[in-house]
């Protein structure tokens, strides 16, 4: 919010700036969870039930689907990684909701 207030952008440019910034932050957060899933799998505290989860991109895909609370179910964790998946879904839901309120404030705020 502070960054969009200080910029000399037009209202539509502020909105685009906020959207891209928030989208990048969400992708980064899902990536951090994907690293956590990979690290947990490396430690042996859990894994994924499917045999086709071979690359980090598969884990990242699961993380993005889980973070957005979409939960397709084509990949799912086992062991203690199920707890991390639940925390990620809750955290993603809360942060996406906060992003929606931020976008609302950017759209409704008057130009200074």
PDB file of N, CA and C in Angstrom:
ATOM      1  N   UNK A   1       0.821  -1.189   0.000  1.00  0.00           N
ATOM      2  CA  UNK A   1       0.000   0.000   0.000  1.00  0.00           C
ATOM      3  C   UNK A   1       0.864   1.251   0.000  1.00  0.00           C
ATOM      4  N   UNK A   2       1.894   1.257   0.826  1.00  0.00           N
ATOM      5  CA  UNK A   2       2.761   2.421   0.902  1.00  0.00           C
ATOM      6  C   UNK A   2       3.500   2.634  -0.409  1.00  0.00           C
ATOM      7  N   UNK A   3       3.919   1.532  -1.035  1.00  0.00           N
ATOM      8  CA  UNK A   3       4.645   1.650  -2.299  1.00  0.00           C
ATOM      9  C   UNK A   3       3.759   2.226  -3.393  1.00  0.00           C
ATOM     10  N   UNK A   4       2.494   1.834  -3.417  1.00  0.00           N
ATOM     11  CA  UNK A   4       1.614   2.388  -4.453  1.00  0.00           C
ATOM     12  C   UNK A   4       1.256   3.834  -4.171  1.00  0.00           C
ATOM     13  N   UNK A   5       1.304   4.242  -2.907  1.00  0.00           N
ATOM     14  CA  UNK A   5       0.966   5.625  -2.560  1.00  0.00           C
ATOM     15  C   UNK A   5       2.077   6.586  -2.979  1.00  0.00           C
ATOM     16  N   UNK A   6       3.325   6.123  -2.874  1.00  0.00           N
ATOM     17  CA  UNK A   6       4.466   6.994  -3.168  1.00  0.00           C
ATOM     18  C   UNK A   6       4.797   7.086  -4.654  1.00  0.00           C
ATOM     19  N   UNK A   7       4.262   6.182  -5.453  1.00  0.00           N
ATOM     20  CA  UNK A   7       4.613   6.171  -6.863  1.00  0.00           C
ATOM     21  C   UNK A   7       3.858   7.250  -7.632  1.00  0.00           C
ATOM     22  N   UNK A   8       4.493   7.795  -8.657  1.00  0.00           N
ATOM     23  CA  UNK A   8       3.820   8.828  -9.452  1.00  0.00           C
ATOM     24  C   UNK A   8       2.952   8.229 -10.563  1.00  0.00           C
ATOM     25  N   UNK A   9       2.426   7.046 -10.362  1.00  0.00           N
ATOM     26  CA  UNK A   9       1.640   6.346 -11.382  1.00  0.00           C
ATOM     27  C   UNK A   9       0.206   6.861 -11.421  1.00  0.00           C
ATOM     28  N   UNK A  10      -0.445   6.565 -12.523  1.00  0.00           N
ATOM     29  CA  UNK A  10      -1.879   6.808 -12.612  1.00  0.00           C
ATOM     30  C   UNK A  10      -2.604   5.735 -11.803  1.00  0.00           C
ATOM     31  N   UNK A  11      -3.900   5.887 -11.641  1.00  0.00           N
ATOM     32  CA  UNK A  11      -4.666   4.926 -10.846  1.00  0.00           C
ATOM     33  C   UNK A  11      -4.598   3.522 -11.445  1.00  0.00           C
ATOM     34  N   UNK A  12      -4.730   3.402 -12.751  1.00  0.00           N
ATOM     35  CA  UNK A  12      -4.669   2.077 -13.383  1.00  0.00           C
ATOM     36  C   UNK A  12      -3.268   1.480 -13.280  1.00  0.00           C
ATOM     37  N   UNK A  13      -2.241   2.307 -13.355  1.00  0.00           N
ATOM     38  CA  UNK A  13      -0.874   1.812 -13.200  1.00  0.00           C
ATOM     39  C   UNK A  13      -0.627   1.344 -11.772  1.00  0.00           C
ATOM     40  N   UNK A  14      -1.197   2.030 -10.795  1.00  0.00           N
ATOM     41  CA  UNK A  14      -1.079   1.593  -9.408  1.00  0.00           C
ATOM     42  C   UNK A  14      -1.733   0.230  -9.211  1.00  0.00           C
ATOM     43  N   UNK A  15      -2.876   0.051  -9.852  1.00  0.00           N
ATOM     44  CA  UNK A  15      -3.564  -1.237  -9.750  1.00  0.00           C
ATOM     45  C   UNK A  15      -2.716  -2.345 -10.350  1.00  0.00           C
ATOM     46  N   UNK A  16      -2.172  -2.112 -11.529  1.00  0.00           N
ATOM     47  CA  UNK A  16      -1.318  -3.128 -12.160  1.00  0.00           C
ATOM     48  C   UNK A  16      -0.077  -3.403 -11.321  1.00  0.00           C
ATOM     49  N   UNK A  17       0.519  -2.376 -10.759  1.00  0.00           N
ATOM     50  CA  UNK A  17       1.681  -2.550  -9.894  1.00  0.00           C
ATOM     51  C   UNK A  17       1.328  -3.426  -8.697  1.00  0.00           C
ATOM     52  N   UNK A  18       0.197  -3.152  -8.075  1.00  0.00           N
ATOM     53  CA  UNK A  18      -0.235  -3.934  -6.913  1.00  0.00           C
ATOM     54  C   UNK A  18      -0.536  -5.377  -7.310  1.00  0.00           C
ATOM     55  N   UNK A  19      -1.209  -5.577  -8.435  1.00  0.00           N
ATOM     56  CA  UNK A  19      -1.534  -6.933  -8.885  1.00  0.00           C
ATOM     57  C   UNK A  19      -0.282  -7.757  -9.153  1.00  0.00           C
ATOM     58  N   UNK A  20       0.659  -7.184  -9.889  1.00  0.00           N
ATOM     59  CA  UNK A  20       1.883  -7.924 -10.211  1.00  0.00           C
ATOM     60  C   UNK A  20       2.738  -8.172  -8.977  1.00  0.00           C
ATOM     61  N   UNK A  21       2.791  -7.218  -8.080  1.00  0.00           N
ATOM     62  CA  UNK A  21       3.560  -7.396  -6.852  1.00  0.00           C
ATOM     63  C   UNK A  21       2.963  -8.503  -5.994  1.00  0.00           C
ATOM     64  N   UNK A  22       1.648  -8.477  -5.834  1.00  0.00           N
ATOM     65  CA  UNK A  22       0.999  -9.506  -5.019  1.00  0.00           C
ATOM     66  C   UNK A  22       1.092 -10.880  -5.673  1.00  0.00           C
ATOM     67  N   UNK A  23       0.933 -10.951  -6.988  1.00  0.00           N
ATOM     68  CA  UNK A  23       1.047 -12.237  -7.680  1.00  0.00           C
ATOM     69  C   UNK A  23       2.450 -12.812  -7.533  1.00  0.00           C
ATOM     70  N   UNK A  24       3.460 -11.960  -7.658  1.00  0.00           N
ATOM     71  CA  UNK A  24       4.839 -12.416  -7.480  1.00  0.00           C
ATOM     72  C   UNK A  24       5.077 -12.908  -6.060  1.00  0.00           C
ATOM     73  N   UNK A  25       4.512 -12.198  -5.093  1.00  0.00           N
ATOM     74  CA  UNK A  25       4.659 -12.621  -3.698  1.00  0.00           C
ATOM     75  C   UNK A  25       3.996 -13.976  -3.465  1.00  0.00           C
ATOM     76  N   UNK A  26       2.826 -14.195  -4.030  1.00  0.00           N
ATOM     77  CA  UNK A  26       2.136 -15.471  -3.848  1.00  0.00           C
ATOM     78  C   UNK A  26       2.892 -16.618  -4.515  1.00  0.00           C
ATOM     79  N   UNK A  27       3.428 -16.381  -5.686  1.00  0.00           N
ATOM     80  CA  UNK A  27       4.212 -17.420  -6.361  1.00  0.00           C
ATOM     81  C   UNK A  27       5.462 -17.743  -5.548  1.00  0.00           C
ATOM     82  N   UNK A  28       6.092 -16.702  -4.994  1.00  0.00           N
ATOM     83  CA  UNK A  28       7.258 -16.927  -4.137  1.00  0.00           C
ATOM     84  C   UNK A  28       6.911 -17.708  -2.881  1.00  0.00           C
ATOM     85  N   UNK A  29       5.776 -17.402  -2.283  1.00  0.00           N
ATOM     86  CA  UNK A  29       5.354 -18.123  -1.079  1.00  0.00           C
ATOM     87  C   UNK A  29       5.056 -19.584  -1.390  1.00  0.00           C
ATOM     88  N   UNK A  30       4.387 -19.852  -2.497  1.00  0.00           N
ATOM     89  CA  UNK A  30       4.131 -21.234  -2.901  1.00  0.00           C
ATOM     90  C   UNK A  30       5.451 -21.952  -3.186  1.00  0.00           C
ATOM     91  N   UNK A  31       6.417 -21.227  -3.741  1.00  0.00           N
ATOM     92  CA  UNK A  31       7.740 -21.806  -3.981  1.00  0.00           C
ATOM     93  C   UNK A  31       8.455 -22.174  -2.690  1.00  0.00           C
ATOM     94  N   UNK A  32       8.300 -21.338  -1.663  1.00  0.00           N
ATOM     95  CA  UNK A  32       8.901 -21.669  -0.363  1.00  0.00           C
ATOM     96  C   UNK A  32       8.270 -22.922   0.227  1.00  0.00           C
ATOM     97  N   UNK A  33       6.957 -23.056   0.092  1.00  0.00           N
ATOM     98  CA  UNK A  33       6.310 -24.280   0.555  1.00  0.00           C
ATOM     99  C   UNK A  33       6.783 -25.483  -0.259  1.00  0.00           C
ATOM    100  N   UNK A  34       6.977 -25.312  -1.566  1.00  0.00           N
ATOM    101  CA  UNK A  34       7.481 -26.405  -2.397  1.00  0.00           C
ATOM    102  C   UNK A  34       8.868 -26.836  -1.930  1.00  0.00           C
ATOM    103  N   UNK A  35       9.701 -25.860  -1.569  1.00  0.00           N
ATOM    104  CA  UNK A  35      11.012 -26.210  -1.008  1.00  0.00           C
ATOM    105  C   UNK A  35      10.857 -26.975   0.298  1.00  0.00           C
ATOM    106  N   UNK A  36       9.882 -26.574   1.118  1.00  0.00           N
ATOM    107  CA  UNK A  36       9.612 -27.286   2.362  1.00  0.00           C
ATOM    108  C   UNK A  36       9.157 -28.711   2.113  1.00  0.00           C
ATOM    109  N   UNK A  37       8.303 -28.915   1.116  1.00  0.00           N
ATOM    110  CA  UNK A  37       7.873 -30.271   0.766  1.00  0.00           C
ATOM    111  C   UNK A  37       9.051 -31.106   0.276  1.00  0.00           C
ATOM    112  N   UNK A  38       9.894 -30.516  -0.560  1.00  0.00           N
ATOM    113  CA  UNK A  38      11.060 -31.241  -1.071  1.00  0.00           C
ATOM    114  C   UNK A  38      12.022 -31.587   0.062  1.00  0.00           C
ATOM    115  N   UNK A  39      12.221 -30.645   0.979  1.00  0.00           N
ATOM    116  CA  UNK A  39      13.109 -30.891   2.109  1.00  0.00           C
ATOM    117  C   UNK A  39      12.533 -31.969   3.023  1.00  0.00           C
ATOM    118  N   UNK A  40      11.227 -31.922   3.266  1.00  0.00           N
ATOM    119  CA  UNK A  40      10.586 -32.952   4.078  1.00  0.00           C
ATOM    120  C   UNK A  40      10.673 -34.321   3.438  1.00  0.00           C
ATOM    121  N   UNK A  41      10.546 -34.368   2.130  1.00  0.00           N
ATOM    122  CA  UNK A  41      10.690 -35.637   1.417  1.00  0.00           C
ATOM    123  C   UNK A  41      12.128 -36.137   1.508  1.00  0.00           C
ATOM    124  N   UNK A  42      13.080 -35.215   1.417  1.00  0.00           N
ATOM    125  CA  UNK A  42      14.500 -35.568   1.550  1.00  0.00           C
ATOM    126  C   UNK A  42      14.791 -36.136   2.942  1.00  0.00           C
ATOM    127  N   UNK A  43      14.180 -35.537   3.974  1.00  0.00           N
ATOM    128  CA  UNK A  43      14.386 -36.012   5.343  1.00  0.00           C
ATOM    129  C   UNK A  43      13.663 -37.324   5.623  1.00  0.00           C
ATOM    130  N   UNK A  44      12.722 -37.686   4.776  1.00  0.00           N
ATOM    131  CA  UNK A  44      12.006 -38.936   4.952  1.00  0.00           C
ATOM    132  C   UNK A  44      10.816 -38.849   5.887  1.00  0.00           C
ATOM    133  N   UNK A  45      10.287 -37.643   6.120  1.00  0.00           N
ATOM    134  CA  UNK A  45       9.139 -37.514   7.020  1.00  0.00           C
ATOM    135  C   UNK A  45       7.818 -37.612   6.262  1.00  0.00           C
ATOM    136  N   UNK A  46       7.889 -37.808   4.986  1.00  0.00           N
ATOM    137  CA  UNK A  46       6.703 -37.945   4.155  1.00  0.00           C
ATOM    138  C   UNK A  46       7.091 -37.953   2.697  1.00  0.00           C
ATOM    139  N   UNK A  47       6.090 -38.020   1.866  1.00  0.00           N
ATOM    140  CA  UNK A  47       6.346 -38.048   0.433  1.00  0.00           C
ATOM    141  C   UNK A  47       5.056 -37.788  -0.309  1.00  0.00           C
ATOM    142  N   UNK A  48       5.012 -38.284  -1.522  1.00  0.00           N
ATOM    143  CA  UNK A  48       3.821 -38.150  -2.345  1.00  0.00           C
ATOM    144  C   UNK A  48       3.409 -39.535  -2.804  1.00  0.00           C
ATOM    145  N   UNK A  49       2.103 -39.793  -2.810  1.00  0.00           N
ATOM    146  CA  UNK A  49       1.586 -41.130  -3.090  1.00  0.00           C
ATOM    147  C   UNK A  49       1.776 -41.533  -4.551  1.00  0.00           C
ATOM    148  N   UNK A  50       1.885 -40.578  -5.447  1.00  0.00           N
ATOM    149  CA  UNK A  50       2.002 -40.882  -6.868  1.00  0.00           C
ATOM    150  C   UNK A  50       3.464 -41.163  -7.226  1.00  0.00           C
ATOM    151  N   UNK A  51       3.630 -42.059  -8.170  1.00  0.00           N
ATOM    152  CA  UNK A  51       4.983 -42.386  -8.632  1.00  0.00           C
ATOM    153  C   UNK A  51       5.515 -41.372  -9.639  1.00  0.00           C
ATOM    154  N   UNK A  52       4.636 -40.550 -10.201  1.00  0.00           N
ATOM    155  CA  UNK A  52       5.065 -39.621 -11.243  1.00  0.00           C
ATOM    156  C   UNK A  52       5.513 -38.266 -10.704  1.00  0.00           C
ATOM    157  N   UNK A  53       5.728 -38.128  -9.401  1.00  0.00           N
ATOM    158  CA  UNK A  53       6.244 -36.885  -8.821  1.00  0.00           C
ATOM    159  C   UNK A  53       7.766 -37.013  -8.796  1.00  0.00           C
ATOM    160  N   UNK A  54       8.370 -36.621  -9.917  1.00  0.00           N
ATOM    161  CA  UNK A  54       9.801 -36.838 -10.087  1.00  0.00           C
ATOM    162  C   UNK A  54      10.634 -35.571 -10.006  1.00  0.00           C
ATOM    163  N   UNK A  55      10.027 -34.438 -10.302  1.00  0.00           N
ATOM    164  CA  UNK A  55      10.813 -33.213 -10.388  1.00  0.00           C
ATOM    165  C   UNK A  55      10.301 -32.180  -9.397  1.00  0.00           C
ATOM    166  N   UNK A  56      11.100 -31.137  -9.224  1.00  0.00           N
ATOM    167  CA  UNK A  56      10.683 -30.042  -8.358  1.00  0.00           C
ATOM    168  C   UNK A  56       9.457 -29.345  -8.928  1.00  0.00           C
ATOM    169  N   UNK A  57       9.328 -29.330 -10.244  1.00  0.00           N
ATOM    170  CA  UNK A  57       8.169 -28.686 -10.868  1.00  0.00           C
ATOM    171  C   UNK A  57       6.872 -29.392 -10.484  1.00  0.00           C
ATOM    172  N   UNK A  58       6.897 -30.714 -10.326  1.00  0.00           N
ATOM    173  CA  UNK A  58       5.717 -31.447  -9.865  1.00  0.00           C
ATOM    174  C   UNK A  58       5.352 -31.035  -8.442  1.00  0.00           C
ATOM    175  N   UNK A  59       6.354 -30.881  -7.595  1.00  0.00           N
ATOM    176  CA  UNK A  59       6.118 -30.461  -6.215  1.00  0.00           C
ATOM    177  C   UNK A  59       5.630 -29.019  -6.194  1.00  0.00           C
ATOM    178  N   UNK A  60       6.194 -28.171  -7.034  1.00  0.00           N
ATOM    179  CA  UNK A  60       5.760 -26.776  -7.124  1.00  0.00           C
ATOM    180  C   UNK A  60       4.315 -26.692  -7.614  1.00  0.00           C
ATOM    181  N   UNK A  61       3.967 -27.526  -8.589  1.00  0.00           N
ATOM    182  CA  UNK A  61       2.585 -27.582  -9.078  1.00  0.00           C
ATOM    183  C   UNK A  61       1.644 -27.946  -7.931  1.00  0.00           C
ATOM    184  N   UNK A  62       1.989 -28.971  -7.160  1.00  0.00           N
ATOM    185  CA  UNK A  62       1.151 -29.342  -6.016  1.00  0.00           C
ATOM    186  C   UNK A  62       1.034 -28.185  -5.043  1.00  0.00           C
ATOM    187  N   UNK A  63       2.137 -27.506  -4.800  1.00  0.00           N
ATOM    188  CA  UNK A  63       2.148 -26.412  -3.847  1.00  0.00           C
ATOM    189  C   UNK A  63       1.243 -25.269  -4.295  1.00  0.00           C
ATOM    190  N   UNK A  64       1.279 -24.912  -5.568  1.00  0.00           N
ATOM    191  CA  UNK A  64       0.432 -23.830  -6.080  1.00  0.00           C
ATOM    192  C   UNK A  64      -1.045 -24.234  -6.000  1.00  0.00           C
ATOM    193  N   UNK A  65      -1.349 -25.464  -6.360  1.00  0.00           N
ATOM    194  CA  UNK A  65      -2.733 -25.947  -6.295  1.00  0.00           C
ATOM    195  C   UNK A  65      -3.214 -25.950  -4.846  1.00  0.00           C
ATOM    196  N   UNK A  66      -2.362 -26.359  -3.937  1.00  0.00           N
ATOM    197  CA  UNK A  66      -2.719 -26.414  -2.523  1.00  0.00           C
ATOM    198  C   UNK A  66      -2.802 -25.015  -1.922  1.00  0.00           C
ATOM    199  N   UNK A  67      -1.867 -24.146  -2.267  1.00  0.00           N
ATOM    200  CA  UNK A  67      -1.829 -22.777  -1.752  1.00  0.00           C
ATOM    201  C   UNK A  67      -3.095 -22.010  -2.136  1.00  0.00           C
ATOM    202  N   UNK A  68      -3.559 -22.235  -3.343  1.00  0.00           N
ATOM    203  CA  UNK A  68      -4.762 -21.546  -3.812  1.00  0.00           C
ATOM    204  C   UNK A  68      -6.036 -22.208  -3.310  1.00  0.00           C
ATOM    205  N   UNK A  69      -5.921 -23.268  -2.545  1.00  0.00           N
ATOM    206  CA  UNK A  69      -7.047 -24.050  -2.007  1.00  0.00           C
ATOM    207  C   UNK A  69      -7.884 -24.687  -3.105  1.00  0.00           C
ATOM    208  N   UNK A  70      -7.300 -24.853  -4.290  1.00  0.00           N
ATOM    209  CA  UNK A  70      -7.994 -25.526  -5.384  1.00  0.00           C
ATOM    210  C   UNK A  70      -8.085 -27.019  -5.097  1.00  0.00           C
ATOM    211  N   UNK A  71      -6.966 -27.626  -4.700  1.00  0.00           N
ATOM    212  CA  UNK A  71      -6.942 -29.020  -4.274  1.00  0.00           C
ATOM    213  C   UNK A  71      -7.457 -30.003  -5.300  1.00  0.00           C
ATOM    214  N   UNK A  72      -6.799 -30.108  -6.433  1.00  0.00           N
ATOM    215  CA  UNK A  72      -7.264 -31.005  -7.485  1.00  0.00           C
ATOM    216  C   UNK A  72      -7.228 -32.478  -7.069  1.00  0.00           C
ATOM    217  N   UNK A  73      -6.247 -32.879  -6.292  1.00  0.00           N
ATOM    218  CA  UNK A  73      -6.182 -34.251  -5.817  1.00  0.00           C
ATOM    219  C   UNK A  73      -5.417 -35.203  -6.705  1.00  0.00           C
ATOM    220  N   UNK A  74      -4.818 -34.716  -7.790  1.00  0.00           N
ATOM    221  CA  UNK A  74      -4.037 -35.615  -8.628  1.00  0.00           C
ATOM    222  C   UNK A  74      -2.676 -35.929  -8.010  1.00  0.00           C
ATOM    223  N   UNK A  75      -2.202 -35.078  -7.119  1.00  0.00           N
ATOM    224  CA  UNK A  75      -0.991 -35.318  -6.328  1.00  0.00           C
ATOM    225  C   UNK A  75      -1.367 -35.031  -4.884  1.00  0.00           C
ATOM    226  N   UNK A  76      -1.020 -35.918  -3.987  1.00  0.00           N
ATOM    227  CA  UNK A  76      -1.297 -35.654  -2.582  1.00  0.00           C
ATOM    228  C   UNK A  76      -0.169 -36.202  -1.715  1.00  0.00           C
ATOM    229  N   UNK A  77       0.105 -35.520  -0.614  1.00  0.00           N
ATOM    230  CA  UNK A  77       1.222 -35.902   0.250  1.00  0.00           C
ATOM    231  C   UNK A  77       0.853 -37.044   1.192  1.00  0.00           C
ATOM    232  N   UNK A  78       1.889 -37.676   1.703  1.00  0.00           N
ATOM    233  CA  UNK A  78       1.723 -38.732   2.696  1.00  0.00           C
ATOM    234  C   UNK A  78       2.571 -38.390   3.912  1.00  0.00           C
ATOM    235  N   UNK A  79       2.332 -39.085   4.971  1.00  0.00           N
ATOM    236  CA  UNK A  79       3.126 -38.890   6.181  1.00  0.00           C
ATOM    237  C   UNK A  79       2.907 -37.519   6.788  1.00  0.00           C
ATOM    238  N   UNK A  80       3.960 -36.998   7.388  1.00  0.00           N
ATOM    239  CA  UNK A  80       3.868 -35.710   8.071  1.00  0.00           C
ATOM    240  C   UNK A  80       3.760 -34.525   7.117  1.00  0.00           C
ATOM    241  N   UNK A  81       3.984 -34.745   5.826  1.00  0.00           N
ATOM    242  CA  UNK A  81       3.821 -33.653   4.864  1.00  0.00           C
ATOM    243  C   UNK A  81       2.354 -33.273   4.698  1.00  0.00           C
ATOM    244  N   UNK A  82       1.439 -34.143   5.129  1.00  0.00           N
ATOM    245  CA  UNK A  82       0.016 -33.792   5.092  1.00  0.00           C
ATOM    246  C   UNK A  82      -0.263 -32.597   6.001  1.00  0.00           C
ATOM    247  N   UNK A  83       0.420 -32.538   7.144  1.00  0.00           N
ATOM    248  CA  UNK A  83       0.239 -31.407   8.051  1.00  0.00           C
ATOM    249  C   UNK A  83       0.718 -30.111   7.399  1.00  0.00           C
ATOM    250  N   UNK A  84       1.880 -30.170   6.749  1.00  0.00           N
ATOM    251  CA  UNK A  84       2.395 -28.997   6.049  1.00  0.00           C
ATOM    252  C   UNK A  84       1.433 -28.561   4.943  1.00  0.00           C
ATOM    253  N   UNK A  85       0.800 -29.518   4.270  1.00  0.00           N
ATOM    254  CA  UNK A  85      -0.165 -29.190   3.225  1.00  0.00           C
ATOM    255  C   UNK A  85      -1.380 -28.468   3.808  1.00  0.00           C
ATOM    256  N   UNK A  86      -1.824 -28.895   4.961  1.00  0.00           N
ATOM    257  CA  UNK A  86      -2.949 -28.215   5.606  1.00  0.00           C
ATOM    258  C   UNK A  86      -2.601 -26.801   6.023  1.00  0.00           C
ATOM    259  N   UNK A  87      -1.423 -26.626   6.569  1.00  0.00           N
ATOM    260  CA  UNK A  87      -0.965 -25.292   6.961  1.00  0.00           C
ATOM    261  C   UNK A  87      -0.828 -24.399   5.732  1.00  0.00           C
ATOM    262  N   UNK A  88      -0.324 -24.953   4.633  1.00  0.00           N
ATOM    263  CA  UNK A  88      -0.172 -24.162   3.413  1.00  0.00           C
ATOM    264  C   UNK A  88      -1.525 -23.713   2.871  1.00  0.00           C
ATOM    265  N   UNK A  89      -2.511 -24.599   2.872  1.00  0.00           N
ATOM    266  CA  UNK A  89      -3.840 -24.226   2.370  1.00  0.00           C
ATOM    267  C   UNK A  89      -4.461 -23.130   3.222  1.00  0.00           C
ATOM    268  N   UNK A  90      -4.329 -23.237   4.534  1.00  0.00           N
ATOM    269  CA  UNK A  90      -4.865 -22.212   5.423  1.00  0.00           C
ATOM    270  C   UNK A  90      -4.143 -20.884   5.224  1.00  0.00           C
ATOM    271  N   UNK A  91      -2.820 -20.933   5.173  1.00  0.00           N
ATOM    272  CA  UNK A  91      -2.020 -19.731   4.977  1.00  0.00           C
ATOM    273  C   UNK A  91      -2.308 -19.089   3.619  1.00  0.00           C
ATOM    274  N   UNK A  92      -2.409 -19.896   2.582  1.00  0.00           N
ATOM    275  CA  UNK A  92      -2.704 -19.368   1.256  1.00  0.00           C
ATOM    276  C   UNK A  92      -4.060 -18.697   1.204  1.00  0.00           C
ATOM    277  N   UNK A  93      -5.059 -19.315   1.828  1.00  0.00           N
ATOM    278  CA  UNK A  93      -6.390 -18.725   1.863  1.00  0.00           C
ATOM    279  C   UNK A  93      -6.371 -17.368   2.560  1.00  0.00           C
ATOM    280  N   UNK A  94      -5.688 -17.300   3.696  1.00  0.00           N
ATOM    281  CA  UNK A  94      -5.617 -16.038   4.434  1.00  0.00           C
ATOM    282  C   UNK A  94      -4.873 -14.959   3.649  1.00  0.00           C
ATOM    283  N   UNK A  95      -3.756 -15.311   3.041  1.00  0.00           N
ATOM    284  CA  UNK A  95      -2.968 -14.316   2.314  1.00  0.00           C
ATOM    285  C   UNK A  95      -3.646 -13.866   1.026  1.00  0.00           C
ATOM    286  N   UNK A  96      -4.338 -14.769   0.354  1.00  0.00           N
ATOM    287  CA  UNK A  96      -5.073 -14.372  -0.847  1.00  0.00           C
ATOM    288  C   UNK A  96      -6.228 -13.452  -0.455  1.00  0.00           C
ATOM    289  N   UNK A  97      -6.859 -13.716   0.686  1.00  0.00           N
ATOM    290  CA  UNK A  97      -7.918 -12.827   1.168  1.00  0.00           C
ATOM    291  C   UNK A  97      -7.366 -11.439   1.498  1.00  0.00           C
ATOM    292  N   UNK A  98      -6.199 -11.401   2.123  1.00  0.00           N
ATOM    293  CA  UNK A  98      -5.562 -10.106   2.416  1.00  0.00           C
ATOM    294  C   UNK A  98      -5.206  -9.374   1.126  1.00  0.00           C
ATOM    295  N   UNK A  99      -4.780 -10.112   0.127  1.00  0.00           N
ATOM    296  CA  UNK A  99      -4.463  -9.488  -1.160  1.00  0.00           C
ATOM    297  C   UNK A  99      -5.711  -8.896  -1.800  1.00  0.00           C
ATOM    298  N   UNK A 100      -6.831  -9.581  -1.665  1.00  0.00           N
ATOM    299  CA  UNK A 100      -8.078  -9.053  -2.222  1.00  0.00           C
ATOM    300  C   UNK A 100      -8.455  -7.735  -1.544  1.00  0.00           C
ATOM    301  N   UNK A 101      -8.271  -7.663  -0.232  1.00  0.00           N
ATOM    302  CA  UNK A 101      -8.592  -6.407   0.457  1.00  0.00           C
ATOM    303  C   UNK A 101      -7.602  -5.311   0.074  1.00  0.00           C
ATOM    304  N   UNK A 102      -6.358  -5.669  -0.174  1.00  0.00           N
ATOM    305  CA  UNK A 102      -5.372  -4.686  -0.617  1.00  0.00           C
ATOM    306  C   UNK A 102      -5.746  -4.138  -1.992  1.00  0.00           C
ATOM    307  N   UNK A 103      -6.138  -5.011  -2.897  1.00  0.00           N
ATOM    308  CA  UNK A 103      -6.563  -4.576  -4.230  1.00  0.00           C
ATOM    309  C   UNK A 103      -7.784  -3.667  -4.120  1.00  0.00           C
ATOM    310  N   UNK A 104      -8.708  -4.005  -3.237  1.00  0.00           N
ATOM    311  CA  UNK A 104      -9.886  -3.158  -3.033  1.00  0.00           C
ATOM    312  C   UNK A 104      -9.475  -1.767  -2.568  1.00  0.00           C
ATOM    313  N   UNK A 105      -8.527  -1.686  -1.640  1.00  0.00           N
ATOM    314  CA  UNK A 105      -8.076  -0.384  -1.149  1.00  0.00           C
ATOM    315  C   UNK A 105      -7.368   0.417  -2.234  1.00  0.00           C
ATOM    316  N   UNK A 106      -6.581  -0.252  -3.057  1.00  0.00           N
ATOM    317  CA  UNK A 106      -5.899   0.444  -4.151  1.00  0.00           C
ATOM    318  C   UNK A 106      -6.913   0.982  -5.149  1.00  0.00           C
ATOM    319  N   UNK A 107      -7.940   0.210  -5.443  1.00  0.00           N
ATOM    320  CA  UNK A 107      -8.935   0.633  -6.427  1.00  0.00           C
ATOM    321  C   UNK A 107      -9.790   1.780  -5.893  1.00  0.00           C
ATOM    322  N   UNK A 108     -10.160   1.731  -4.618  1.00  0.00           N
ATOM    323  CA  UNK A 108     -11.079   2.736  -4.084  1.00  0.00           C
ATOM    324  C   UNK A 108     -10.398   3.981  -3.540  1.00  0.00           C
ATOM    325  N   UNK A 109      -9.085   3.954  -3.380  1.00  0.00           N
ATOM    326  CA  UNK A 109      -8.395   5.123  -2.843  1.00  0.00           C
ATOM    327  C   UNK A 109      -8.327   6.229  -3.892  1.00  0.00           C
ATOM    328  N   UNK A 110      -8.548   7.421  -3.464  1.00  0.00           N
ATOM    329  CA  UNK A 110      -8.480   8.592  -4.350  1.00  0.00           C
ATOM    330  C   UNK A 110      -7.031   8.916  -4.642  1.00  0.00           C
ATOM    331  N   UNK A 111      -6.815   9.510  -5.807  1.00  0.00           N
ATOM    332  CA  UNK A 111      -5.473   9.970  -6.172  1.00  0.00           C
ATOM    333  C   UNK A 111      -5.106  11.163  -5.259  1.00  0.00           C
ATOM    334  N   UNK A 112      -3.884  11.161  -4.764  1.00  0.00           N
ATOM    335  CA  UNK A 112      -3.441  12.267  -3.884  1.00  0.00           C
ATOM    336  C   UNK A 112      -2.899  13.416  -4.691  1.00  0.00           C
TER     337      UNK A 112
END
